[in-house]
Amino acid sequence: MAMHNPAHPGEVLRDYIGETDVTSFAERLKVARTTLSRILNGHAGISAAMAIRLARILPNTSPEFWLKMQMNYDLWQARRGMKLMARRVVRSTQVAA
């Protein structure tokens, strides 16, 4: 069953890192601070490589956990976009008629 408006993985990651500052966590992940910041702020997704890095550092998580969360978020966004497009098409055909 599809989830309703799933959280971006960055929101969940923010909970996992808690009070740890972004710079030091990025260093632990061996990524640029801006890369991590973009994920945390929902402006970038979690790649397979990032999922592996996160699972290595964060206990009780796996790459599959992070990727599944990203997939659910992406699918929900795509479905939402398709619904909005369909509404626009219906409205434009109603106006034209």
PDB file of N, CA and C in Angstrom:
ATOM      1  N   MET A   1       0.841  -1.183   0.000  1.00  0.00           N
ATOM      2  CA  MET A   1       0.000   0.000   0.000  1.00  0.00           C
ATOM      3  C   MET A   1       0.885   1.244   0.000  1.00  0.00           C
ATOM      4  N   ALA A   2       0.528   2.206  -0.801  1.00  0.00           N
ATOM      5  CA  ALA A   2       1.318   3.428  -0.923  1.00  0.00           C
ATOM      6  C   ALA A   2       1.158   4.308   0.316  1.00  0.00           C
ATOM      7  N   MET A   3       2.263   4.864   0.730  1.00  0.00           N
ATOM      8  CA  MET A   3       2.263   5.752   1.876  1.00  0.00           C
ATOM      9  C   MET A   3       1.757   7.121   1.451  1.00  0.00           C
ATOM     10  N   HIS A   4       1.108   7.819   2.356  1.00  0.00           N
ATOM     11  CA  HIS A   4       0.632   9.166   2.060  1.00  0.00           C
ATOM     12  C   HIS A   4       1.696  10.179   2.442  1.00  0.00           C
ATOM     13  N   ASN A   5       2.199  10.899   1.470  1.00  0.00           N
ATOM     14  CA  ASN A   5       3.190  11.948   1.650  1.00  0.00           C
ATOM     15  C   ASN A   5       4.355  11.520   2.554  1.00  0.00           C
ATOM     16  N   PRO A   6       5.154  10.554   2.112  1.00  0.00           N
ATOM     17  CA  PRO A   6       6.283  10.098   2.939  1.00  0.00           C
ATOM     18  C   PRO A   6       7.320  11.199   3.123  1.00  0.00           C
ATOM     19  N   ALA A   7       8.006  11.137   4.227  1.00  0.00           N
ATOM     20  CA  ALA A   7       9.053  12.117   4.529  1.00  0.00           C
ATOM     21  C   ALA A   7      10.230  11.941   3.578  1.00  0.00           C
ATOM     22  N   HIS A   8      10.866  13.054   3.259  1.00  0.00           N
ATOM     23  CA  HIS A   8      12.111  12.987   2.503  1.00  0.00           C
ATOM     24  C   HIS A   8      13.141  12.312   3.412  1.00  0.00           C
ATOM     25  N   PRO A   9      13.991  11.443   2.876  1.00  0.00           N
ATOM     26  CA  PRO A   9      14.989  10.768   3.712  1.00  0.00           C
ATOM     27  C   PRO A   9      15.873  11.737   4.503  1.00  0.00           C
ATOM     28  N   GLY A  10      16.058  12.938   3.986  1.00  0.00           N
ATOM     29  CA  GLY A  10      16.853  13.935   4.703  1.00  0.00           C
ATOM     30  C   GLY A  10      16.243  14.308   6.041  1.00  0.00           C
ATOM     31  N   GLU A  11      14.901  14.339   6.106  1.00  0.00           N
ATOM     32  CA  GLU A  11      14.231  14.635   7.373  1.00  0.00           C
ATOM     33  C   GLU A  11      14.517  13.541   8.399  1.00  0.00           C
ATOM     34  N   VAL A  12      14.466  12.303   7.951  1.00  0.00           N
ATOM     35  CA  VAL A  12      14.735  11.173   8.839  1.00  0.00           C
ATOM     36  C   VAL A  12      16.205  11.173   9.251  1.00  0.00           C
ATOM     37  N   LEU A  13      17.078  11.452   8.301  1.00  0.00           N
ATOM     38  CA  LEU A  13      18.508  11.508   8.590  1.00  0.00           C
ATOM     39  C   LEU A  13      18.802  12.578   9.634  1.00  0.00           C
ATOM     40  N   ARG A  14      18.117  13.684   9.541  1.00  0.00           N
ATOM     41  CA  ARG A  14      18.291  14.768  10.519  1.00  0.00           C
ATOM     42  C   ARG A  14      18.004  14.251  11.935  1.00  0.00           C
ATOM     43  N   ASP A  15      16.961  13.420  12.071  1.00  0.00           N
ATOM     44  CA  ASP A  15      16.648  12.827  13.376  1.00  0.00           C
ATOM     45  C   ASP A  15      17.761  11.885  13.836  1.00  0.00           C
ATOM     46  N   TYR A  16      18.309  11.124  12.904  1.00  0.00           N
ATOM     47  CA  TYR A  16      19.381  10.180  13.250  1.00  0.00           C
ATOM     48  C   TYR A  16      20.639  10.887  13.736  1.00  0.00           C
ATOM     49  N   ILE A  17      20.992  11.998  13.105  1.00  0.00           N
ATOM     50  CA  ILE A  17      22.251  12.637  13.498  1.00  0.00           C
ATOM     51  C   ILE A  17      22.082  13.523  14.726  1.00  0.00           C
ATOM     52  N   GLY A  18      20.843  13.866  15.057  1.00  0.00           N
ATOM     53  CA  GLY A  18      20.573  14.610  16.285  1.00  0.00           C
ATOM     54  C   GLY A  18      21.316  15.926  16.361  1.00  0.00           C
ATOM     55  N   GLU A  19      22.047  16.120  17.442  1.00  0.00           N
ATOM     56  CA  GLU A  19      22.758  17.377  17.696  1.00  0.00           C
ATOM     57  C   GLU A  19      24.133  17.437  17.027  1.00  0.00           C
ATOM     58  N   THR A  20      24.529  16.376  16.344  1.00  0.00           N
ATOM     59  CA  THR A  20      25.817  16.377  15.656  1.00  0.00           C
ATOM     60  C   THR A  20      25.815  17.455  14.582  1.00  0.00           C
ATOM     61  N   ASP A  21      26.891  18.240  14.517  1.00  0.00           N
ATOM     62  CA  ASP A  21      26.903  19.295  13.506  1.00  0.00           C
ATOM     63  C   ASP A  21      27.157  18.697  12.116  1.00  0.00           C
ATOM     64  N   VAL A  22      26.633  19.396  11.126  1.00  0.00           N
ATOM     65  CA  VAL A  22      26.662  18.916   9.739  1.00  0.00           C
ATOM     66  C   VAL A  22      28.090  18.712   9.251  1.00  0.00           C
ATOM     67  N   THR A  23      28.976  19.618   9.586  1.00  0.00           N
ATOM     68  CA  THR A  23      30.364  19.530   9.108  1.00  0.00           C
ATOM     69  C   THR A  23      31.048  18.262   9.598  1.00  0.00           C
ATOM     70  N   SER A  24      30.934  17.973  10.892  1.00  0.00           N
ATOM     71  CA  SER A  24      31.616  16.789  11.418  1.00  0.00           C
ATOM     72  C   SER A  24      30.976  15.499  10.900  1.00  0.00           C
ATOM     73  N   PHE A  25      29.643  15.501  10.712  1.00  0.00           N
ATOM     74  CA  PHE A  25      28.999  14.300  10.177  1.00  0.00           C
ATOM     75  C   PHE A  25      29.390  14.090   8.725  1.00  0.00           C
ATOM     76  N   ALA A  26      29.494  15.169   7.971  1.00  0.00           N
ATOM     77  CA  ALA A  26      29.928  15.079   6.569  1.00  0.00           C
ATOM     78  C   ALA A  26      31.349  14.522   6.498  1.00  0.00           C
ATOM     79  N   GLU A  27      32.198  14.938   7.405  1.00  0.00           N
ATOM     80  CA  GLU A  27      33.573  14.420   7.442  1.00  0.00           C
ATOM     81  C   GLU A  27      33.573  12.923   7.726  1.00  0.00           C
ATOM     82  N   ARG A  28      32.725  12.477   8.642  1.00  0.00           N
ATOM     83  CA  ARG A  28      32.624  11.040   8.933  1.00  0.00           C
ATOM     84  C   ARG A  28      32.156  10.258   7.714  1.00  0.00           C
ATOM     85  N   LEU A  29      31.250  10.868   6.935  1.00  0.00           N
ATOM     86  CA  LEU A  29      30.756  10.217   5.720  1.00  0.00           C
ATOM     87  C   LEU A  29      31.740  10.316   4.553  1.00  0.00           C
ATOM     88  N   LYS A  30      32.722  11.210   4.710  1.00  0.00           N
ATOM     89  CA  LYS A  30      33.685  11.485   3.644  1.00  0.00           C
ATOM     90  C   LYS A  30      32.999  12.079   2.411  1.00  0.00           C
ATOM     91  N   VAL A  31      32.116  13.065   2.688  1.00  0.00           N
ATOM     92  CA  VAL A  31      31.449  13.812   1.627  1.00  0.00           C
ATOM     93  C   VAL A  31      31.565  15.305   1.958  1.00  0.00           C
ATOM     94  N   ALA A  32      31.319  16.136   0.966  1.00  0.00           N
ATOM     95  CA  ALA A  32      31.343  17.574   1.192  1.00  0.00           C
ATOM     96  C   ALA A  32      30.175  17.979   2.090  1.00  0.00           C
ATOM     97  N   ARG A  33      30.402  19.013   2.872  1.00  0.00           N
ATOM     98  CA  ARG A  33      29.355  19.514   3.762  1.00  0.00           C
ATOM     99  C   ARG A  33      28.121  19.917   2.960  1.00  0.00           C
ATOM    100  N   THR A  34      28.337  20.515   1.792  1.00  0.00           N
ATOM    101  CA  THR A  34      27.211  20.949   0.957  1.00  0.00           C
ATOM    102  C   THR A  34      26.380  19.764   0.464  1.00  0.00           C
ATOM    103  N   THR A  35      27.043  18.649   0.195  1.00  0.00           N
ATOM    104  CA  THR A  35      26.329  17.443  -0.244  1.00  0.00           C
ATOM    105  C   THR A  35      25.371  16.984   0.846  1.00  0.00           C
ATOM    106  N   LEU A  36      25.886  16.890   2.064  1.00  0.00           N
ATOM    107  CA  LEU A  36      25.048  16.459   3.182  1.00  0.00           C
ATOM    108  C   LEU A  36      23.950  17.482   3.458  1.00  0.00           C
ATOM    109  N   SER A  37      24.284  18.732   3.401  1.00  0.00           N
ATOM    110  CA  SER A  37      23.307  19.785   3.660  1.00  0.00           C
ATOM    111  C   SER A  37      22.152  19.732   2.662  1.00  0.00           C
ATOM    112  N   ARG A  38      22.460  19.495   1.392  1.00  0.00           N
ATOM    113  CA  ARG A  38      21.415  19.395   0.368  1.00  0.00           C
ATOM    114  C   ARG A  38      20.465  18.227   0.651  1.00  0.00           C
ATOM    115  N   ILE A  39      21.008  17.113   1.136  1.00  0.00           N
ATOM    116  CA  ILE A  39      20.162  15.970   1.488  1.00  0.00           C
ATOM    117  C   ILE A  39      19.292  16.316   2.692  1.00  0.00           C
ATOM    118  N   LEU A  40      19.911  16.870   3.728  1.00  0.00           N
ATOM    119  CA  LEU A  40      19.180  17.202   4.952  1.00  0.00           C
ATOM    120  C   LEU A  40      18.053  18.201   4.705  1.00  0.00           C
ATOM    121  N   ASN A  41      18.242  19.083   3.734  1.00  0.00           N
ATOM    122  CA  ASN A  41      17.232  20.097   3.433  1.00  0.00           C
ATOM    123  C   ASN A  41      16.257  19.673   2.339  1.00  0.00           C
ATOM    124  N   GLY A  42      16.361  18.417   1.877  1.00  0.00           N
ATOM    125  CA  GLY A  42      15.423  17.894   0.896  1.00  0.00           C
ATOM    126  C   GLY A  42      15.663  18.362  -0.521  1.00  0.00           C
ATOM    127  N   HIS A  43      16.863  18.898  -0.799  1.00  0.00           N
ATOM    128  CA  HIS A  43      17.174  19.379  -2.144  1.00  0.00           C
ATOM    129  C   HIS A  43      17.926  18.344  -2.975  1.00  0.00           C
ATOM    130  N   ALA A  44      18.292  17.236  -2.364  1.00  0.00           N
ATOM    131  CA  ALA A  44      18.969  16.148  -3.073  1.00  0.00           C
ATOM    132  C   ALA A  44      18.514  14.833  -2.459  1.00  0.00           C
ATOM    133  N   GLY A  45      18.560  13.797  -3.279  1.00  0.00           N
ATOM    134  CA  GLY A  45      18.164  12.478  -2.807  1.00  0.00           C
ATOM    135  C   GLY A  45      19.361  11.676  -2.329  1.00  0.00           C
ATOM    136  N   ILE A  46      19.066  10.508  -1.813  1.00  0.00           N
ATOM    137  CA  ILE A  46      20.103   9.605  -1.329  1.00  0.00           C
ATOM    138  C   ILE A  46      20.422   8.605  -2.435  1.00  0.00           C
ATOM    139  N   SER A  47      21.672   8.611  -2.861  1.00  0.00           N
ATOM    140  CA  SER A  47      22.139   7.677  -3.892  1.00  0.00           C
ATOM    141  C   SER A  47      22.497   6.346  -3.249  1.00  0.00           C
ATOM    142  N   ALA A  48      22.774   5.358  -4.081  1.00  0.00           N
ATOM    143  CA  ALA A  48      23.192   4.056  -3.566  1.00  0.00           C
ATOM    144  C   ALA A  48      24.499   4.192  -2.776  1.00  0.00           C
ATOM    145  N   ALA A  49      25.432   4.978  -3.292  1.00  0.00           N
ATOM    146  CA  ALA A  49      26.711   5.164  -2.589  1.00  0.00           C
ATOM    147  C   ALA A  49      26.504   5.843  -1.237  1.00  0.00           C
ATOM    148  N   MET A  50      25.626   6.841  -1.194  1.00  0.00           N
ATOM    149  CA  MET A  50      25.353   7.521   0.072  1.00  0.00           C
ATOM    150  C   MET A  50      24.651   6.579   1.039  1.00  0.00           C
ATOM    151  N   ALA A  51      23.756   5.753   0.528  1.00  0.00           N
ATOM    152  CA  ALA A  51      23.058   4.785   1.384  1.00  0.00           C
ATOM    153  C   ALA A  51      24.050   3.838   2.054  1.00  0.00           C
ATOM    154  N   ILE A  52      25.055   3.411   1.310  1.00  0.00           N
ATOM    155  CA  ILE A  52      26.089   2.532   1.881  1.00  0.00           C
ATOM    156  C   ILE A  52      26.868   3.280   2.956  1.00  0.00           C
ATOM    157  N   ARG A  53      27.254   4.528   2.678  1.00  0.00           N
ATOM    158  CA  ARG A  53      27.991   5.326   3.663  1.00  0.00           C
ATOM    159  C   ARG A  53      27.183   5.512   4.941  1.00  0.00           C
ATOM    160  N   LEU A  54      25.897   5.833   4.791  1.00  0.00           N
ATOM    161  CA  LEU A  54      25.039   6.046   5.961  1.00  0.00           C
ATOM    162  C   LEU A  54      24.904   4.774   6.795  1.00  0.00           C
ATOM    163  N   ALA A  55      24.704   3.648   6.118  1.00  0.00           N
ATOM    164  CA  ALA A  55      24.536   2.383   6.833  1.00  0.00           C
ATOM    165  C   ALA A  55      25.796   1.981   7.591  1.00  0.00           C
ATOM    166  N   ARG A  56      26.951   2.355   7.078  1.00  0.00           N
ATOM    167  CA  ARG A  56      28.207   2.044   7.770  1.00  0.00           C
ATOM    168  C   ARG A  56      28.344   2.826   9.075  1.00  0.00           C
ATOM    169  N   ILE A  57      27.807   4.031   9.096  1.00  0.00           N
ATOM    170  CA  ILE A  57      27.982   4.919  10.249  1.00  0.00           C
ATOM    171  C   ILE A  57      26.820   4.842  11.241  1.00  0.00           C
ATOM    172  N   LEU A  58      25.609   4.680  10.731  1.00  0.00           N
ATOM    173  CA  LEU A  58      24.433   4.711  11.595  1.00  0.00           C
ATOM    174  C   LEU A  58      24.001   3.300  11.971  1.00  0.00           C
ATOM    175  N   PRO A  59      23.998   2.995  13.266  1.00  0.00           N
ATOM    176  CA  PRO A  59      23.624   1.644  13.699  1.00  0.00           C
ATOM    177  C   PRO A  59      22.166   1.327  13.375  1.00  0.00           C
ATOM    178  N   ASN A  60      21.906   0.071  13.172  1.00  0.00           N
ATOM    179  CA  ASN A  60      20.558  -0.440  12.918  1.00  0.00           C
ATOM    180  C   ASN A  60      19.921   0.122  11.648  1.00  0.00           C
ATOM    181  N   THR A  61      20.752   0.540  10.694  1.00  0.00           N
ATOM    182  CA  THR A  61      20.227   0.911   9.378  1.00  0.00           C
ATOM    183  C   THR A  61      20.986   0.112   8.330  1.00  0.00           C
ATOM    184  N   SER A  62      20.397   0.025   7.162  1.00  0.00           N
ATOM    185  CA  SER A  62      21.027  -0.686   6.052  1.00  0.00           C
ATOM    186  C   SER A  62      20.920   0.201   4.807  1.00  0.00           C
ATOM    187  N   PRO A  63      21.713  -0.101   3.785  1.00  0.00           N
ATOM    188  CA  PRO A  63      21.558   0.648   2.537  1.00  0.00           C
ATOM    189  C   PRO A  63      20.135   0.531   1.987  1.00  0.00           C
ATOM    190  N   GLU A  64      19.564  -0.650   2.134  1.00  0.00           N
ATOM    191  CA  GLU A  64      18.206  -0.880   1.636  1.00  0.00           C
ATOM    192  C   GLU A  64      17.185   0.005   2.360  1.00  0.00           C
ATOM    193  N   PHE A  65      17.395   0.235   3.647  1.00  0.00           N
ATOM    194  CA  PHE A  65      16.521   1.113   4.423  1.00  0.00           C
ATOM    195  C   PHE A  65      16.481   2.508   3.805  1.00  0.00           C
ATOM    196  N   TRP A  66      17.665   3.056   3.536  1.00  0.00           N
ATOM    197  CA  TRP A  66      17.754   4.410   2.981  1.00  0.00           C
ATOM    198  C   TRP A  66      17.233   4.480   1.554  1.00  0.00           C
ATOM    199  N   LEU A  67      17.562   3.479   0.750  1.00  0.00           N
ATOM    200  CA  LEU A  67      17.115   3.487  -0.647  1.00  0.00           C
ATOM    201  C   LEU A  67      15.605   3.274  -0.770  1.00  0.00           C
ATOM    202  N   LYS A  68      15.049   2.441   0.089  1.00  0.00           N
ATOM    203  CA  LYS A  68      13.608   2.217   0.055  1.00  0.00           C
ATOM    204  C   LYS A  68      12.874   3.504   0.448  1.00  0.00           C
ATOM    205  N   MET A  69      13.408   4.208   1.435  1.00  0.00           N
ATOM    206  CA  MET A  69      12.811   5.474   1.835  1.00  0.00           C
ATOM    207  C   MET A  69      12.855   6.481   0.674  1.00  0.00           C
ATOM    208  N   GLN A  70      13.997   6.525  -0.022  1.00  0.00           N
ATOM    209  CA  GLN A  70      14.135   7.429  -1.156  1.00  0.00           C
ATOM    210  C   GLN A  70      13.174   7.036  -2.276  1.00  0.00           C
ATOM    211  N   MET A  71      13.064   5.744  -2.529  1.00  0.00           N
ATOM    212  CA  MET A  71      12.162   5.256  -3.573  1.00  0.00           C
ATOM    213  C   MET A  71      10.713   5.617  -3.251  1.00  0.00           C
ATOM    214  N   ASN A  72      10.294   5.410  -2.008  1.00  0.00           N
ATOM    215  CA  ASN A  72       8.924   5.744  -1.618  1.00  0.00           C
ATOM    216  C   ASN A  72       8.651   7.235  -1.790  1.00  0.00           C
ATOM    217  N   TYR A  73       9.615   8.050  -1.410  1.00  0.00           N
ATOM    218  CA  TYR A  73       9.474   9.498  -1.565  1.00  0.00           C
ATOM    219  C   TYR A  73       9.374   9.867  -3.052  1.00  0.00           C
ATOM    220  N   ASP A  74      10.276   9.328  -3.862  1.00  0.00           N
ATOM    221  CA  ASP A  74      10.287   9.634  -5.298  1.00  0.00           C
ATOM    222  C   ASP A  74       8.998   9.187  -5.984  1.00  0.00           C
ATOM    223  N   LEU A  75       8.518   7.991  -5.657  1.00  0.00           N
ATOM    224  CA  LEU A  75       7.279   7.494  -6.262  1.00  0.00           C
ATOM    225  C   LEU A  75       6.095   8.363  -5.878  1.00  0.00           C
ATOM    226  N   TRP A  76       6.035   8.761  -4.622  1.00  0.00           N
ATOM    227  CA  TRP A  76       4.923   9.601  -4.190  1.00  0.00           C
ATOM    228  C   TRP A  76       4.945  10.929  -4.931  1.00  0.00           C
ATOM    229  N   GLN A  77       6.143  11.515  -5.064  1.00  0.00           N
ATOM    230  CA  GLN A  77       6.274  12.785  -5.774  1.00  0.00           C
ATOM    231  C   GLN A  77       5.882  12.631  -7.244  1.00  0.00           C
ATOM    232  N   ALA A  78       6.283  11.540  -7.868  1.00  0.00           N
ATOM    233  CA  ALA A  78       5.950  11.306  -9.279  1.00  0.00           C
ATOM    234  C   ALA A  78       4.452  11.124  -9.462  1.00  0.00           C
ATOM    235  N   ARG A  79       3.825  10.360  -8.576  1.00  0.00           N
ATOM    236  CA  ARG A  79       2.374  10.156  -8.668  1.00  0.00           C
ATOM    237  C   ARG A  79       1.634  11.470  -8.468  1.00  0.00           C
ATOM    238  N   ARG A  80       2.101  12.261  -7.537  1.00  0.00           N
ATOM    239  CA  ARG A  80       1.501  13.567  -7.271  1.00  0.00           C
ATOM    240  C   ARG A  80       1.613  14.456  -8.518  1.00  0.00           C
ATOM    241  N   GLY A  81       2.783  14.417  -9.152  1.00  0.00           N
ATOM    242  CA  GLY A  81       2.976  15.198 -10.373  1.00  0.00           C
ATOM    243  C   GLY A  81       2.068  14.748 -11.504  1.00  0.00           C
ATOM    244  N   MET A  82       1.882  13.436 -11.622  1.00  0.00           N
ATOM    245  CA  MET A  82       1.007  12.896 -12.673  1.00  0.00           C
ATOM    246  C   MET A  82      -0.435  13.324 -12.431  1.00  0.00           C
ATOM    247  N   LYS A  83      -0.868  13.312 -11.174  1.00  0.00           N
ATOM    248  CA  LYS A  83      -2.237  13.732 -10.855  1.00  0.00           C
ATOM    249  C   LYS A  83      -2.432  15.208 -11.191  1.00  0.00           C
ATOM    250  N   LEU A  84      -1.452  16.022 -10.866  1.00  0.00           N
ATOM    251  CA  LEU A  84      -1.552  17.451 -11.172  1.00  0.00           C
ATOM    252  C   LEU A  84      -1.603  17.691 -12.674  1.00  0.00           C
ATOM    253  N   MET A  85      -0.802  16.939 -13.423  1.00  0.00           N
ATOM    254  CA  MET A  85      -0.816  17.067 -14.883  1.00  0.00           C
ATOM    255  C   MET A  85      -2.172  16.662 -15.449  1.00  0.00           C
ATOM    256  N   ALA A  86      -2.735  15.581 -14.927  1.00  0.00           N
ATOM    257  CA  ALA A  86      -4.025  15.101 -15.405  1.00  0.00           C
ATOM    258  C   ALA A  86      -5.107  16.148 -15.138  1.00  0.00           C
ATOM    259  N   ARG A  87      -5.053  16.793 -13.986  1.00  0.00           N
ATOM    260  CA  ARG A  87      -6.035  17.838 -13.666  1.00  0.00           C
ATOM    261  C   ARG A  87      -5.914  19.008 -14.634  1.00  0.00           C
ATOM    262  N   ARG A  88      -4.683  19.370 -14.991  1.00  0.00           N
ATOM    263  CA  ARG A  88      -4.480  20.472 -15.929  1.00  0.00           C
ATOM    264  C   ARG A  88      -5.052  20.140 -17.301  1.00  0.00           C
ATOM    265  N   VAL A  89      -4.869  18.886 -17.729  1.00  0.00           N
ATOM    266  CA  VAL A  89      -5.382  18.457 -19.028  1.00  0.00           C
ATOM    267  C   VAL A  89      -6.903  18.511 -19.022  1.00  0.00           C
ATOM    268  N   VAL A  90      -7.510  18.034 -17.961  1.00  0.00           N
ATOM    269  CA  VAL A  90      -8.987  18.044 -17.866  1.00  0.00           C
ATOM    270  C   VAL A  90      -9.487  19.471 -17.879  1.00  0.00           C
ATOM    271  N   ARG A  91      -8.858  20.366 -17.117  1.00  0.00           N
ATOM    272  CA  ARG A  91      -9.293  21.754 -17.083  1.00  0.00           C
ATOM    273  C   ARG A  91      -9.144  22.425 -18.453  1.00  0.00           C
ATOM    274  N   SER A  92      -8.016  22.165 -19.121  1.00  0.00           N
ATOM    275  CA  SER A  92      -7.804  22.821 -20.418  1.00  0.00           C
ATOM    276  C   SER A  92      -8.787  22.302 -21.464  1.00  0.00           C
ATOM    277  N   THR A  93      -9.193  21.053 -21.399  1.00  0.00           N
ATOM    278  CA  THR A  93     -10.190  20.544 -22.365  1.00  0.00           C
ATOM    279  C   THR A  93     -11.567  21.079 -22.042  1.00  0.00           C
ATOM    280  N   GLN A  94     -11.839  21.316 -20.760  1.00  0.00           N
ATOM    281  CA  GLN A  94     -13.127  21.898 -20.379  1.00  0.00           C
ATOM    282  C   GLN A  94     -13.219  23.347 -20.836  1.00  0.00           C
ATOM    283  N   VAL A  95     -12.140  24.084 -20.736  1.00  0.00           N
ATOM    284  CA  VAL A  95     -12.109  25.481 -21.172  1.00  0.00           C
ATOM    285  C   VAL A  95     -12.253  25.564 -22.679  1.00  0.00           C
ATOM    286  N   ALA A  96     -11.618  24.656 -23.406  1.00  0.00           N
ATOM    287  CA  ALA A  96     -11.654  24.664 -24.861  1.00  0.00           C
ATOM    288  C   ALA A  96     -13.033  24.290 -25.403  1.00  0.00           C
ATOM    289  N   ALA A  97     -13.800  23.558 -24.623  1.00  0.00           N
ATOM    290  CA  ALA A  97     -15.109  23.080 -25.109  1.00  0.00           C
ATOM    291  C   ALA A  97     -16.180  24.118 -25.075  1.00  0.00           C
TER     292      ALA A  97
END
